[in-house]
Amino acid sequence: MSPNETSRLSKFPEFKIDTVHTFLLVLARGPKNIYYSVNSIGKEQFYSQQNGKFEFLAYKRYLKKEEGKEVIAENKKFIGQLALLMNDCPNLHKSLGTVTYSRKSFERLFTSYYQCVNYTEGKIQKSMKIAFEYGVVAGVSKTSIEFESPDFPHLTNSKFKDSYNVTGSLFLNVILPFSTQRLSIYNEAGIYSFATDNHYEDIVHSYYYRNYYTSLDFTYLKLNNFLRYKLPLGTSTIFLQAGVSNSIAVKSDNVVRKEQFLHGEITTSDSEAVPGVRKYEQSLAVGAGYLFKRFSGEFRFEKGNGISIIGNLQNSNTKLFVLLGYRLSK
């Protein structure tokens, strides 16, 4: 239990031992087993087991005086313990001097030991690392847009058509090391667009009426960030994910054409359909999908804060995606 930080090292090589009940991770399983734990003060520790008995492999950093100066020294009792443990493989004894008290070093040592004793069924629990996957995603989007306002009848009194468009992205999936590869941060960058229109006829009188033809055509650069959970299912995997989508408009065509009929005379004018357009849209998104080898399929739902920034013009966008993906990394 001696502190391991350089600023807190003791001046004695003896070990400060405490006895606790804990779980040990099996680091290497074979004719000789090694176990791993991190104790209550954050120190990595290793244990061997023979004939059902556990033995602490002892190591300590401490301070000692050398030529009038305090220097860091090491009590490497674990080297002698390993030599006794591996007495059936004397060829490894020369390399024990290079072994450090670290998980990676123990993994390499016991991989070599199992090879030395010709034990092919030995299992090493490798250190967990962040893993990366990358690839491409493409599919079809369906966008539905609705407005609410008493002041913009051309937007609210006639339903906009659903927009169906092709979409595509590149993805980077960051697999978190502590989750047995089930939990990951999934990121996409790509292009999304929608185009829709409507027609609203406002009849004031038989000799006076107006037609409104509204057209909305938007294209976005889109960045999606999700927390993904994978559940293995035989040789394939299903996944659930939730997160946020951020979209920046690179194209925002937004026009309403007004045709006015008065006593047989027609006048036409064009103006912005939505006077104040939001260039940066945010959405909440959820999805579910299926993974098989390098391929994926997904159904995704998004609900965004819309294209209007005007207080008296409420707008919401809902999007459905059907996507196919291909993983380029191994």
C-alpha atoms as a PDB file:
ATOM      1  CA  MET A   1       0.000   0.000   0.000  1.00  0.00           C
ATOM      2  CA  SER A   2       3.037   2.313  -0.213  1.00  0.00           C
ATOM      3  CA  PRO A   3       2.473   5.394  -2.397  1.00  0.00           C
ATOM      4  CA  ASN A   4       3.883   5.199  -5.904  1.00  0.00           C
ATOM      5  CA  GLU A   5       4.007   8.897  -6.823  1.00  0.00           C
ATOM      6  CA  THR A   6       7.557  10.216  -6.960  1.00  0.00           C
ATOM      7  CA  SER A   7       6.767  13.130  -4.625  1.00  0.00           C
ATOM      8  CA  ARG A   8       5.390  10.730  -1.962  1.00  0.00           C
ATOM      9  CA  LEU A   9       7.890   7.850  -2.059  1.00  0.00           C
ATOM     10  CA  SER A  10       9.017   6.432   1.273  1.00  0.00           C
ATOM     11  CA  LYS A  11      12.656   5.995   2.288  1.00  0.00           C
ATOM     12  CA  PHE A  12      12.376   2.295   3.064  1.00  0.00           C
ATOM     13  CA  PRO A  13      12.460  -0.739   0.739  1.00  0.00           C
ATOM     14  CA  GLU A  14      10.146  -2.801   2.962  1.00  0.00           C
ATOM     15  CA  PHE A  15       6.591  -3.385   1.805  1.00  0.00           C
ATOM     16  CA  LYS A  16       3.534  -1.949   3.516  1.00  0.00           C
ATOM     17  CA  ILE A  17       1.038  -4.791   3.288  1.00  0.00           C
ATOM     18  CA  ASP A  18      -2.712  -4.694   3.797  1.00  0.00           C
ATOM     19  CA  THR A  19      -5.103  -7.627   3.374  1.00  0.00           C
ATOM     20  CA  VAL A  20      -8.396  -7.084   1.556  1.00  0.00           C
ATOM     21  CA  HIS A  21     -10.972  -9.181  -0.251  1.00  0.00           C
ATOM     22  CA  THR A  22     -11.073  -8.281  -3.942  1.00  0.00           C
ATOM     23  CA  PHE A  23     -11.577  -9.594  -7.459  1.00  0.00           C
ATOM     24  CA  LEU A  24      -8.571 -10.375  -9.631  1.00  0.00           C
ATOM     25  CA  LEU A  25      -8.512 -10.256 -13.418  1.00  0.00           C
ATOM     26  CA  VAL A  26      -7.058 -13.383 -15.038  1.00  0.00           C
ATOM     27  CA  LEU A  27      -4.181 -11.932 -17.046  1.00  0.00           C
ATOM     28  CA  ALA A  28      -2.646 -15.248 -18.180  1.00  0.00           C
ATOM     29  CA  ARG A  29      -4.182 -18.696 -17.857  1.00  0.00           C
ATOM     30  CA  GLY A  30      -2.159 -21.849 -18.401  1.00  0.00           C
ATOM     31  CA  PRO A  31       0.132 -24.178 -16.444  1.00  0.00           C
ATOM     32  CA  LYS A  32       1.105 -21.076 -14.413  1.00  0.00           C
ATOM     33  CA  ASN A  33      -1.465 -18.317 -13.918  1.00  0.00           C
ATOM     34  CA  ILE A  34      -0.981 -14.590 -13.451  1.00  0.00           C
ATOM     35  CA  TYR A  35      -3.638 -12.233 -12.070  1.00  0.00           C
ATOM     36  CA  TYR A  36      -3.977  -8.471 -12.166  1.00  0.00           C
ATOM     37  CA  SER A  37      -5.670  -5.814 -10.048  1.00  0.00           C
ATOM     38  CA  VAL A  38      -5.603  -2.111  -9.282  1.00  0.00           C
ATOM     39  CA  ASN A  39      -5.712  -1.462  -5.556  1.00  0.00           C
ATOM     40  CA  SER A  40      -7.574   1.245  -3.629  1.00  0.00           C
ATOM     41  CA  ILE A  41      -4.805   3.845  -4.136  1.00  0.00           C
ATOM     42  CA  GLY A  42      -4.592   3.176  -7.881  1.00  0.00           C
ATOM     43  CA  LYS A  43      -1.502   0.947  -8.027  1.00  0.00           C
ATOM     44  CA  GLU A  44      -1.265  -1.887 -10.542  1.00  0.00           C
ATOM     45  CA  GLN A  45      -0.478  -5.185  -8.846  1.00  0.00           C
ATOM     46  CA  PHE A  46       0.182  -8.737 -10.029  1.00  0.00           C
ATOM     47  CA  TYR A  47      -0.343 -12.119  -8.388  1.00  0.00           C
ATOM     48  CA  SER A  48       0.707 -15.634  -9.246  1.00  0.00           C
ATOM     49  CA  GLN A  49      -1.127 -18.831  -8.387  1.00  0.00           C
ATOM     50  CA  GLN A  50       0.152 -22.325  -7.855  1.00  0.00           C
ATOM     51  CA  ASN A  51      -1.640 -25.235  -6.223  1.00  0.00           C
ATOM     52  CA  GLY A  52      -4.600 -22.999  -5.406  1.00  0.00           C
ATOM     53  CA  LYS A  53      -2.529 -20.418  -3.511  1.00  0.00           C
ATOM     54  CA  PHE A  54      -2.160 -16.761  -4.492  1.00  0.00           C
ATOM     55  CA  GLU A  55       1.146 -14.939  -4.070  1.00  0.00           C
ATOM     56  CA  PHE A  56       1.668 -11.196  -4.387  1.00  0.00           C
ATOM     57  CA  LEU A  57       4.445 -10.415  -6.874  1.00  0.00           C
ATOM     58  CA  ALA A  58       6.185  -7.691  -4.913  1.00  0.00           C
ATOM     59  CA  TYR A  59       7.572  -4.455  -6.317  1.00  0.00           C
ATOM     60  CA  LYS A  60       8.183  -1.084  -4.715  1.00  0.00           C
ATOM     61  CA  ARG A  61       9.724   2.247  -5.654  1.00  0.00           C
ATOM     62  CA  TYR A  62      11.432   4.066  -2.796  1.00  0.00           C
ATOM     63  CA  LEU A  63      14.052   6.723  -2.049  1.00  0.00           C
ATOM     64  CA  LYS A  64      17.602   6.010  -0.971  1.00  0.00           C
ATOM     65  CA  LYS A  65      20.745   8.055  -0.409  1.00  0.00           C
ATOM     66  CA  GLU A  66      23.496   7.703  -2.940  1.00  0.00           C
ATOM     67  CA  GLU A  67      26.602   9.912  -2.796  1.00  0.00           C
ATOM     68  CA  GLY A  68      24.769  12.311  -0.544  1.00  0.00           C
ATOM     69  CA  LYS A  69      21.739  12.633  -2.842  1.00  0.00           C
ATOM     70  CA  GLU A  70      18.310  11.084  -2.708  1.00  0.00           C
ATOM     71  CA  VAL A  71      17.644   8.892  -5.743  1.00  0.00           C
ATOM     72  CA  ILE A  72      14.787   6.597  -6.737  1.00  0.00           C
ATOM     73  CA  ALA A  73      15.482   2.904  -6.183  1.00  0.00           C
ATOM     74  CA  GLU A  74      13.394  -0.223  -6.837  1.00  0.00           C
ATOM     75  CA  ASN A  75      12.744  -3.315  -4.767  1.00  0.00           C
ATOM     76  CA  LYS A  76      12.293  -5.913  -7.520  1.00  0.00           C
ATOM     77  CA  LYS A  77      11.465  -8.945  -5.424  1.00  0.00           C
ATOM     78  CA  PHE A  78       9.021 -10.010  -8.167  1.00  0.00           C
ATOM     79  CA  ILE A  79      11.923 -10.884 -10.502  1.00  0.00           C
ATOM     80  CA  GLY A  80      13.085 -13.664  -8.155  1.00  0.00           C
ATOM     81  CA  GLN A  81       9.488 -14.812  -7.693  1.00  0.00           C
ATOM     82  CA  LEU A  82       9.057 -15.087 -11.475  1.00  0.00           C
ATOM     83  CA  ALA A  83      12.345 -17.026 -11.781  1.00  0.00           C
ATOM     84  CA  LEU A  84      11.033 -19.588  -9.284  1.00  0.00           C
ATOM     85  CA  LEU A  85       7.653 -19.668 -10.998  1.00  0.00           C
ATOM     86  CA  MET A  86       9.261 -20.343 -14.379  1.00  0.00           C
ATOM     87  CA  ASN A  87      11.839 -22.837 -13.183  1.00  0.00           C
ATOM     88  CA  ASP A  88      10.738 -25.212 -15.934  1.00  0.00           C
ATOM     89  CA  CYS A  89      11.902 -22.723 -18.579  1.00  0.00           C
ATOM     90  CA  PRO A  90      15.456 -21.585 -17.711  1.00  0.00           C
ATOM     91  CA  ASN A  91      15.860 -20.021 -21.168  1.00  0.00           C
ATOM     92  CA  LEU A  92      13.647 -17.143 -20.031  1.00  0.00           C
ATOM     93  CA  HIS A  93      15.663 -16.340 -16.931  1.00  0.00           C
ATOM     94  CA  LYS A  94      18.105 -14.150 -18.889  1.00  0.00           C
ATOM     95  CA  SER A  95      15.277 -11.943 -20.126  1.00  0.00           C
ATOM     96  CA  LEU A  96      13.698 -11.494 -16.685  1.00  0.00           C
ATOM     97  CA  GLY A  97      16.030  -8.572 -15.985  1.00  0.00           C
ATOM     98  CA  THR A  98      14.247  -6.540 -18.679  1.00  0.00           C
ATOM     99  CA  VAL A  99      10.755  -7.215 -17.322  1.00  0.00           C
ATOM    100  CA  THR A 100       9.057  -4.133 -15.923  1.00  0.00           C
ATOM    101  CA  TYR A 101       6.208  -4.110 -13.426  1.00  0.00           C
ATOM    102  CA  SER A 102       3.578  -3.341 -16.048  1.00  0.00           C
ATOM    103  CA  ARG A 103       0.733  -5.181 -17.645  1.00  0.00           C
ATOM    104  CA  LYS A 104       2.176  -5.128 -21.171  1.00  0.00           C
ATOM    105  CA  SER A 105       5.490  -6.494 -19.945  1.00  0.00           C
ATOM    106  CA  PHE A 106       3.766  -9.378 -18.110  1.00  0.00           C
ATOM    107  CA  GLU A 107       1.691 -10.134 -21.214  1.00  0.00           C
ATOM    108  CA  ARG A 108       4.828 -10.440 -23.359  1.00  0.00           C
ATOM    109  CA  LEU A 109       6.618 -12.535 -20.727  1.00  0.00           C
ATOM    110  CA  PHE A 110       3.844 -15.106 -20.340  1.00  0.00           C
ATOM    111  CA  THR A 111       3.276 -15.320 -24.078  1.00  0.00           C
ATOM    112  CA  SER A 112       6.956 -16.326 -24.341  1.00  0.00           C
ATOM    113  CA  TYR A 113       6.630 -18.690 -21.370  1.00  0.00           C
ATOM    114  CA  TYR A 114       3.703 -20.611 -22.862  1.00  0.00           C
ATOM    115  CA  GLN A 115       5.654 -20.933 -26.103  1.00  0.00           C
ATOM    116  CA  CYS A 116       8.700 -22.147 -24.169  1.00  0.00           C
ATOM    117  CA  VAL A 117       6.778 -24.933 -22.416  1.00  0.00           C
ATOM    118  CA  ASN A 118       4.898 -25.700 -25.665  1.00  0.00           C
ATOM    119  CA  TYR A 119       1.500 -24.975 -24.141  1.00  0.00           C
ATOM    120  CA  THR A 120      -0.694 -24.005 -27.077  1.00  0.00           C
ATOM    121  CA  GLU A 121      -3.872 -23.472 -25.047  1.00  0.00           C
ATOM    122  CA  GLY A 122      -2.465 -20.657 -22.919  1.00  0.00           C
ATOM    123  CA  LYS A 123      -4.648 -17.555 -22.923  1.00  0.00           C
ATOM    124  CA  ILE A 124      -3.431 -13.989 -22.454  1.00  0.00           C
ATOM    125  CA  GLN A 125      -5.915 -11.231 -21.610  1.00  0.00           C
ATOM    126  CA  LYS A 126      -4.531  -8.421 -23.747  1.00  0.00           C
ATOM    127  CA  SER A 127      -4.590  -4.817 -22.594  1.00  0.00           C
ATOM    128  CA  MET A 128      -7.707  -3.007 -23.661  1.00  0.00           C
ATOM    129  CA  LYS A 129      -7.134  -0.281 -26.236  1.00  0.00           C
ATOM    130  CA  ILE A 130      -9.246   2.254 -28.026  1.00  0.00           C
ATOM    131  CA  ALA A 131     -10.099   0.819 -31.447  1.00  0.00           C
ATOM    132  CA  PHE A 132     -11.158   2.688 -34.567  1.00  0.00           C
ATOM    133  CA  GLU A 133     -13.430   1.727 -37.445  1.00  0.00           C
ATOM    134  CA  TYR A 134     -14.081   3.842 -40.515  1.00  0.00           C
ATOM    135  CA  GLY A 135     -16.115   3.513 -43.674  1.00  0.00           C
ATOM    136  CA  VAL A 136     -18.935   4.925 -45.775  1.00  0.00           C
ATOM    137  CA  VAL A 137     -22.699   5.202 -45.325  1.00  0.00           C
ATOM    138  CA  ALA A 138     -25.326   5.956 -47.954  1.00  0.00           C
ATOM    139  CA  GLY A 139     -29.083   5.762 -48.167  1.00  0.00           C
ATOM    140  CA  VAL A 140     -32.387   7.564 -48.531  1.00  0.00           C
ATOM    141  CA  SER A 141     -33.866  10.312 -46.367  1.00  0.00           C
ATOM    142  CA  LYS A 142     -37.493  11.333 -45.940  1.00  0.00           C
ATOM    143  CA  THR A 143     -38.034  14.871 -44.623  1.00  0.00           C
ATOM    144  CA  SER A 144     -41.356  16.212 -43.346  1.00  0.00           C
ATOM    145  CA  ILE A 145     -41.670  19.933 -42.596  1.00  0.00           C
ATOM    146  CA  GLU A 146     -44.479  21.786 -40.839  1.00  0.00           C
ATOM    147  CA  PHE A 147     -45.106  25.417 -39.814  1.00  0.00           C
ATOM    148  CA  GLU A 148     -47.364  27.033 -37.213  1.00  0.00           C
ATOM    149  CA  SER A 149     -48.220  30.743 -37.321  1.00  0.00           C
ATOM    150  CA  PRO A 150     -51.228  33.066 -37.721  1.00  0.00           C
ATOM    151  CA  ASP A 151     -49.224  35.420 -39.961  1.00  0.00           C
ATOM    152  CA  PHE A 152     -47.873  33.226 -42.772  1.00  0.00           C
ATOM    153  CA  PRO A 153     -50.849  31.509 -44.451  1.00  0.00           C
ATOM    154  CA  HIS A 154     -48.787  30.358 -47.437  1.00  0.00           C
ATOM    155  CA  LEU A 155     -46.711  28.224 -45.015  1.00  0.00           C
ATOM    156  CA  THR A 156     -49.386  27.020 -42.620  1.00  0.00           C
ATOM    157  CA  ASN A 157     -52.609  26.595 -44.644  1.00  0.00           C
ATOM    158  CA  SER A 158     -51.276  24.053 -47.118  1.00  0.00           C
ATOM    159  CA  LYS A 159     -49.309  20.891 -46.444  1.00  0.00           C
ATOM    160  CA  PHE A 160     -45.771  20.592 -47.787  1.00  0.00           C
ATOM    161  CA  LYS A 161     -44.903  17.451 -49.695  1.00  0.00           C
ATOM    162  CA  ASP A 162     -42.569  14.954 -48.070  1.00  0.00           C
ATOM    163  CA  SER A 163     -39.094  15.152 -49.561  1.00  0.00           C
ATOM    164  CA  TYR A 164     -37.163  12.006 -50.535  1.00  0.00           C
ATOM    165  CA  ASN A 165     -33.451  12.441 -51.206  1.00  0.00           C
ATOM    166  CA  VAL A 166     -30.205  10.502 -51.397  1.00  0.00           C
ATOM    167  CA  THR A 167     -27.749  11.082 -48.553  1.00  0.00           C
ATOM    168  CA  GLY A 168     -24.174   9.966 -47.897  1.00  0.00           C
ATOM    169  CA  SER A 169     -21.516  10.194 -45.172  1.00  0.00           C
ATOM    170  CA  LEU A 170     -18.122   9.043 -44.019  1.00  0.00           C
ATOM    171  CA  PHE A 171     -18.028   7.528 -40.527  1.00  0.00           C
ATOM    172  CA  LEU A 172     -15.501   7.051 -37.743  1.00  0.00           C
ATOM    173  CA  ASN A 173     -16.451   4.713 -34.902  1.00  0.00           C
ATOM    174  CA  VAL A 174     -14.350   5.005 -31.726  1.00  0.00           C
ATOM    175  CA  ILE A 175     -14.704   1.782 -29.706  1.00  0.00           C
ATOM    176  CA  LEU A 176     -14.214   2.392 -25.989  1.00  0.00           C
ATOM    177  CA  PRO A 177     -11.750   0.030 -24.290  1.00  0.00           C
ATOM    178  CA  PHE A 178     -13.612  -0.534 -21.018  1.00  0.00           C
ATOM    179  CA  SER A 179     -16.790  -1.831 -22.659  1.00  0.00           C
ATOM    180  CA  THR A 180     -15.688  -5.189 -24.134  1.00  0.00           C
ATOM    181  CA  GLN A 181     -16.165  -3.471 -27.524  1.00  0.00           C
ATOM    182  CA  ARG A 182     -19.896  -2.982 -26.979  1.00  0.00           C
ATOM    183  CA  LEU A 183     -19.894   0.760 -26.362  1.00  0.00           C
ATOM    184  CA  SER A 184     -18.566   3.258 -28.882  1.00  0.00           C
ATOM    185  CA  ILE A 185     -18.724   6.889 -29.984  1.00  0.00           C
ATOM    186  CA  TYR A 186     -19.983   6.851 -33.562  1.00  0.00           C
ATOM    187  CA  ASN A 187     -19.366   9.937 -35.740  1.00  0.00           C
ATOM    188  CA  GLU A 188     -20.492  10.818 -39.261  1.00  0.00           C
ATOM    189  CA  ALA A 189     -19.723  13.701 -41.615  1.00  0.00           C
ATOM    190  CA  GLY A 190     -21.696  14.014 -44.841  1.00  0.00           C
ATOM    191  CA  ILE A 191     -24.273  15.780 -46.985  1.00  0.00           C
ATOM    192  CA  TYR A 192     -28.025  15.946 -46.487  1.00  0.00           C
ATOM    193  CA  SER A 193     -30.658  17.830 -48.479  1.00  0.00           C
ATOM    194  CA  PHE A 194     -34.387  18.263 -48.893  1.00  0.00           C
ATOM    195  CA  ALA A 195     -36.601  19.974 -51.465  1.00  0.00           C
ATOM    196  CA  THR A 196     -40.332  20.537 -51.109  1.00  0.00           C
ATOM    197  CA  ASP A 197     -43.124  22.836 -52.268  1.00  0.00           C
ATOM    198  CA  ASN A 198     -46.788  23.627 -51.774  1.00  0.00           C
ATOM    199  CA  HIS A 199     -49.636  25.622 -53.313  1.00  0.00           C
ATOM    200  CA  TYR A 200     -52.074  27.736 -51.342  1.00  0.00           C
ATOM    201  CA  GLU A 201     -55.091  29.512 -52.880  1.00  0.00           C
ATOM    202  CA  ASP A 202     -56.625  32.392 -50.934  1.00  0.00           C
ATOM    203  CA  ILE A 203     -60.047  33.311 -52.367  1.00  0.00           C
ATOM    204  CA  VAL A 204     -61.254  36.658 -51.034  1.00  0.00           C
ATOM    205  CA  HIS A 205     -64.013  37.225 -53.628  1.00  0.00           C
ATOM    206  CA  SER A 206     -64.964  35.934 -57.047  1.00  0.00           C
ATOM    207  CA  TYR A 207     -63.085  38.858 -58.620  1.00  0.00           C
ATOM    208  CA  TYR A 208     -60.215  38.900 -56.101  1.00  0.00           C
ATOM    209  CA  TYR A 209     -58.065  35.937 -55.128  1.00  0.00           C
ATOM    210  CA  ARG A 210     -54.399  35.048 -54.626  1.00  0.00           C
ATOM    211  CA  ASN A 211     -52.246  32.001 -55.347  1.00  0.00           C
ATOM    212  CA  TYR A 212     -49.050  31.268 -53.402  1.00  0.00           C
ATOM    213  CA  TYR A 213     -46.452  28.853 -54.797  1.00  0.00           C
ATOM    214  CA  THR A 214     -43.819  28.109 -52.150  1.00  0.00           C
ATOM    215  CA  SER A 215     -40.549  26.312 -52.848  1.00  0.00           C
ATOM    216  CA  LEU A 216     -37.923  25.273 -50.270  1.00  0.00           C
ATOM    217  CA  ASP A 217     -34.628  23.706 -51.362  1.00  0.00           C
ATOM    218  CA  PHE A 218     -31.890  23.243 -48.714  1.00  0.00           C
ATOM    219  CA  THR A 219     -28.556  21.410 -48.658  1.00  0.00           C
ATOM    220  CA  TYR A 220     -26.520  20.878 -45.496  1.00  0.00           C
ATOM    221  CA  LEU A 221     -23.115  19.750 -44.366  1.00  0.00           C
ATOM    222  CA  LYS A 222     -24.000  17.421 -41.521  1.00  0.00           C
ATOM    223  CA  LEU A 223     -22.065  16.146 -38.498  1.00  0.00           C
ATOM    224  CA  ASN A 224     -23.610  13.379 -36.383  1.00  0.00           C
ATOM    225  CA  ASN A 225     -22.342  12.225 -32.992  1.00  0.00           C
ATOM    226  CA  PHE A 226     -23.873   9.160 -31.340  1.00  0.00           C
ATOM    227  CA  LEU A 227     -23.314   6.903 -28.391  1.00  0.00           C
ATOM    228  CA  ARG A 228     -23.703   3.380 -29.801  1.00  0.00           C
ATOM    229  CA  TYR A 229     -24.317   0.129 -27.927  1.00  0.00           C
ATOM    230  CA  LYS A 230     -23.736  -3.183 -29.701  1.00  0.00           C
ATOM    231  CA  LEU A 231     -25.266  -6.507 -28.741  1.00  0.00           C
ATOM    232  CA  PRO A 232     -23.678  -9.612 -30.334  1.00  0.00           C
ATOM    233  CA  LEU A 233     -26.150 -12.037 -31.868  1.00  0.00           C
ATOM    234  CA  GLY A 234     -24.361 -15.135 -33.120  1.00  0.00           C
ATOM    235  CA  THR A 235     -22.174 -14.185 -36.087  1.00  0.00           C
ATOM    236  CA  SER A 236     -23.841 -10.782 -36.418  1.00  0.00           C
ATOM    237  CA  THR A 237     -24.602  -7.806 -34.177  1.00  0.00           C
ATOM    238  CA  ILE A 238     -27.518  -5.506 -33.531  1.00  0.00           C
ATOM    239  CA  PHE A 239     -26.993  -1.972 -32.248  1.00  0.00           C
ATOM    240  CA  LEU A 240     -28.863   0.932 -30.713  1.00  0.00           C
ATOM    241  CA  GLN A 241     -27.653   4.512 -30.740  1.00  0.00           C
ATOM    242  CA  ALA A 242     -28.707   8.009 -29.695  1.00  0.00           C
ATOM    243  CA  GLY A 243     -27.127  11.408 -30.060  1.00  0.00           C
ATOM    244  CA  VAL A 244     -27.174  14.792 -31.747  1.00  0.00           C
ATOM    245  CA  SER A 245     -26.932  16.034 -35.310  1.00  0.00           C
ATOM    246  CA  ASN A 246     -25.526  19.429 -36.297  1.00  0.00           C
ATOM    247  CA  SER A 247     -26.221  20.795 -39.800  1.00  0.00           C
ATOM    248  CA  ILE A 248     -24.878  23.893 -41.554  1.00  0.00           C
ATOM    249  CA  ALA A 249     -26.823  25.122 -44.603  1.00  0.00           C
ATOM    250  CA  VAL A 250     -24.654  25.542 -47.717  1.00  0.00           C
ATOM    251  CA  LYS A 251     -27.692  26.112 -49.959  1.00  0.00           C
ATOM    252  CA  SER A 252     -30.974  27.717 -48.878  1.00  0.00           C
ATOM    253  CA  ASP A 253     -33.354  28.499 -51.740  1.00  0.00           C
ATOM    254  CA  ASN A 254     -36.478  29.852 -50.096  1.00  0.00           C
ATOM    255  CA  VAL A 255     -39.024  31.474 -52.440  1.00  0.00           C
ATOM    256  CA  VAL A 256     -42.743  32.158 -52.549  1.00  0.00           C
ATOM    257  CA  ARG A 257     -44.380  33.389 -55.772  1.00  0.00           C
ATOM    258  CA  LYS A 258     -47.563  35.364 -55.238  1.00  0.00           C
ATOM    259  CA  GLU A 259     -50.068  35.657 -58.111  1.00  0.00           C
ATOM    260  CA  GLN A 260     -52.839  38.195 -57.451  1.00  0.00           C
ATOM    261  CA  PHE A 261     -56.049  38.245 -59.537  1.00  0.00           C
ATOM    262  CA  LEU A 262     -58.122  41.451 -59.308  1.00  0.00           C
ATOM    263  CA  HIS A 263     -60.930  42.144 -61.813  1.00  0.00           C
ATOM    264  CA  GLY A 264     -59.176  39.981 -64.406  1.00  0.00           C
ATOM    265  CA  GLU A 265     -55.779  41.635 -63.996  1.00  0.00           C
ATOM    266  CA  ILE A 266     -52.858  39.486 -62.818  1.00  0.00           C
ATOM    267  CA  THR A 267     -49.823  40.736 -60.923  1.00  0.00           C
ATOM    268  CA  THR A 268     -46.908  38.520 -59.869  1.00  0.00           C
ATOM    269  CA  SER A 269     -44.215  39.008 -57.229  1.00  0.00           C
ATOM    270  CA  ASP A 270     -41.489  36.871 -55.645  1.00  0.00           C
ATOM    271  CA  SER A 271     -40.235  37.107 -52.067  1.00  0.00           C
ATOM    272  CA  GLU A 272     -38.700  35.018 -49.303  1.00  0.00           C
ATOM    273  CA  ALA A 273     -41.097  32.326 -48.135  1.00  0.00           C
ATOM    274  CA  VAL A 274     -39.470  32.243 -44.678  1.00  0.00           C
ATOM    275  CA  PRO A 275     -38.192  35.742 -43.861  1.00  0.00           C
ATOM    276  CA  GLY A 276     -35.606  34.558 -41.323  1.00  0.00           C
ATOM    277  CA  VAL A 277     -33.782  31.313 -42.114  1.00  0.00           C
ATOM    278  CA  ARG A 278     -31.727  29.352 -39.603  1.00  0.00           C
ATOM    279  CA  LYS A 279     -28.363  28.450 -41.129  1.00  0.00           C
ATOM    280  CA  TYR A 280     -27.366  26.112 -38.284  1.00  0.00           C
ATOM    281  CA  GLU A 281     -29.841  23.408 -37.355  1.00  0.00           C
ATOM    282  CA  GLN A 282     -29.644  20.991 -34.445  1.00  0.00           C
ATOM    283  CA  SER A 283     -31.485  17.706 -34.093  1.00  0.00           C
ATOM    284  CA  LEU A 284     -31.902  14.873 -31.642  1.00  0.00           C
ATOM    285  CA  ALA A 285     -31.546  11.453 -33.220  1.00  0.00           C
ATOM    286  CA  VAL A 286     -32.066   7.790 -32.379  1.00  0.00           C
ATOM    287  CA  GLY A 287     -31.359   4.738 -34.485  1.00  0.00           C
ATOM    288  CA  ALA A 288     -31.214   0.963 -34.574  1.00  0.00           C
ATOM    289  CA  GLY A 289     -29.388  -1.322 -36.957  1.00  0.00           C
ATOM    290  CA  TYR A 290     -27.742  -4.578 -37.845  1.00  0.00           C
ATOM    291  CA  LEU A 291     -24.077  -5.432 -38.479  1.00  0.00           C
ATOM    292  CA  PHE A 292     -22.843  -8.395 -40.477  1.00  0.00           C
ATOM    293  CA  LYS A 293     -19.136  -8.683 -41.277  1.00  0.00           C
ATOM    294  CA  ARG A 294     -18.248  -5.355 -42.954  1.00  0.00           C
ATOM    295  CA  PHE A 295     -21.826  -4.391 -43.815  1.00  0.00           C
ATOM    296  CA  SER A 296     -24.452  -2.510 -41.828  1.00  0.00           C
ATOM    297  CA  GLY A 297     -28.086  -1.507 -42.186  1.00  0.00           C
ATOM    298  CA  GLU A 298     -29.801   1.141 -40.092  1.00  0.00           C
ATOM    299  CA  PHE A 299     -33.112   2.885 -39.548  1.00  0.00           C
ATOM    300  CA  ARG A 300     -32.762   6.360 -37.998  1.00  0.00           C
ATOM    301  CA  PHE A 301     -35.155   9.077 -36.782  1.00  0.00           C
ATOM    302  CA  GLU A 302     -34.273  12.757 -36.250  1.00  0.00           C
ATOM    303  CA  LYS A 303     -36.256  15.741 -35.022  1.00  0.00           C
ATOM    304  CA  GLY A 304     -34.725  19.188 -35.511  1.00  0.00           C
ATOM    305  CA  ASN A 305     -35.408  22.769 -34.486  1.00  0.00           C
ATOM    306  CA  GLY A 306     -36.364  23.751 -38.038  1.00  0.00           C
ATOM    307  CA  ILE A 307     -35.356  26.424 -40.523  1.00  0.00           C
ATOM    308  CA  SER A 308     -37.206  29.420 -39.049  1.00  0.00           C
ATOM    309  CA  ILE A 309     -35.670  31.791 -36.515  1.00  0.00           C
ATOM    310  CA  ILE A 310     -38.749  34.050 -36.341  1.00  0.00           C
ATOM    311  CA  GLY A 311     -40.519  33.977 -32.989  1.00  0.00           C
ATOM    312  CA  ASN A 312     -44.055  33.951 -34.419  1.00  0.00           C
ATOM    313  CA  LEU A 313     -43.272  31.275 -37.009  1.00  0.00           C
ATOM    314  CA  GLN A 314     -42.806  27.903 -35.338  1.00  0.00           C
ATOM    315  CA  ASN A 315     -41.283  25.142 -37.449  1.00  0.00           C
ATOM    316  CA  SER A 316     -40.215  21.543 -36.912  1.00  0.00           C
ATOM    317  CA  ASN A 317     -38.478  19.107 -39.201  1.00  0.00           C
ATOM    318  CA  THR A 318     -38.644  15.340 -38.831  1.00  0.00           C
ATOM    319  CA  LYS A 319     -36.361  13.073 -40.800  1.00  0.00           C
ATOM    320  CA  LEU A 320     -36.342   9.342 -41.392  1.00  0.00           C
ATOM    321  CA  PHE A 321     -33.280   7.597 -42.806  1.00  0.00           C
ATOM    322  CA  VAL A 322     -32.741   4.140 -44.238  1.00  0.00           C
ATOM    323  CA  LEU A 323     -28.983   3.628 -44.487  1.00  0.00           C
ATOM    324  CA  LEU A 324     -26.518   1.030 -45.693  1.00  0.00           C
ATOM    325  CA  GLY A 325     -22.886   1.101 -44.600  1.00  0.00           C
ATOM    326  CA  TYR A 326     -19.605  -0.544 -45.479  1.00  0.00           C
ATOM    327  CA  ARG A 327     -16.650  -0.677 -43.091  1.00  0.00           C
ATOM    328  CA  LEU A 328     -13.308  -0.055 -44.840  1.00  0.00           C
ATOM    329  CA  SER A 329     -11.097  -0.809 -41.825  1.00  0.00           C
ATOM    330  CA  LYS A 330     -10.322  -4.379 -40.813  1.00  0.00           C
END
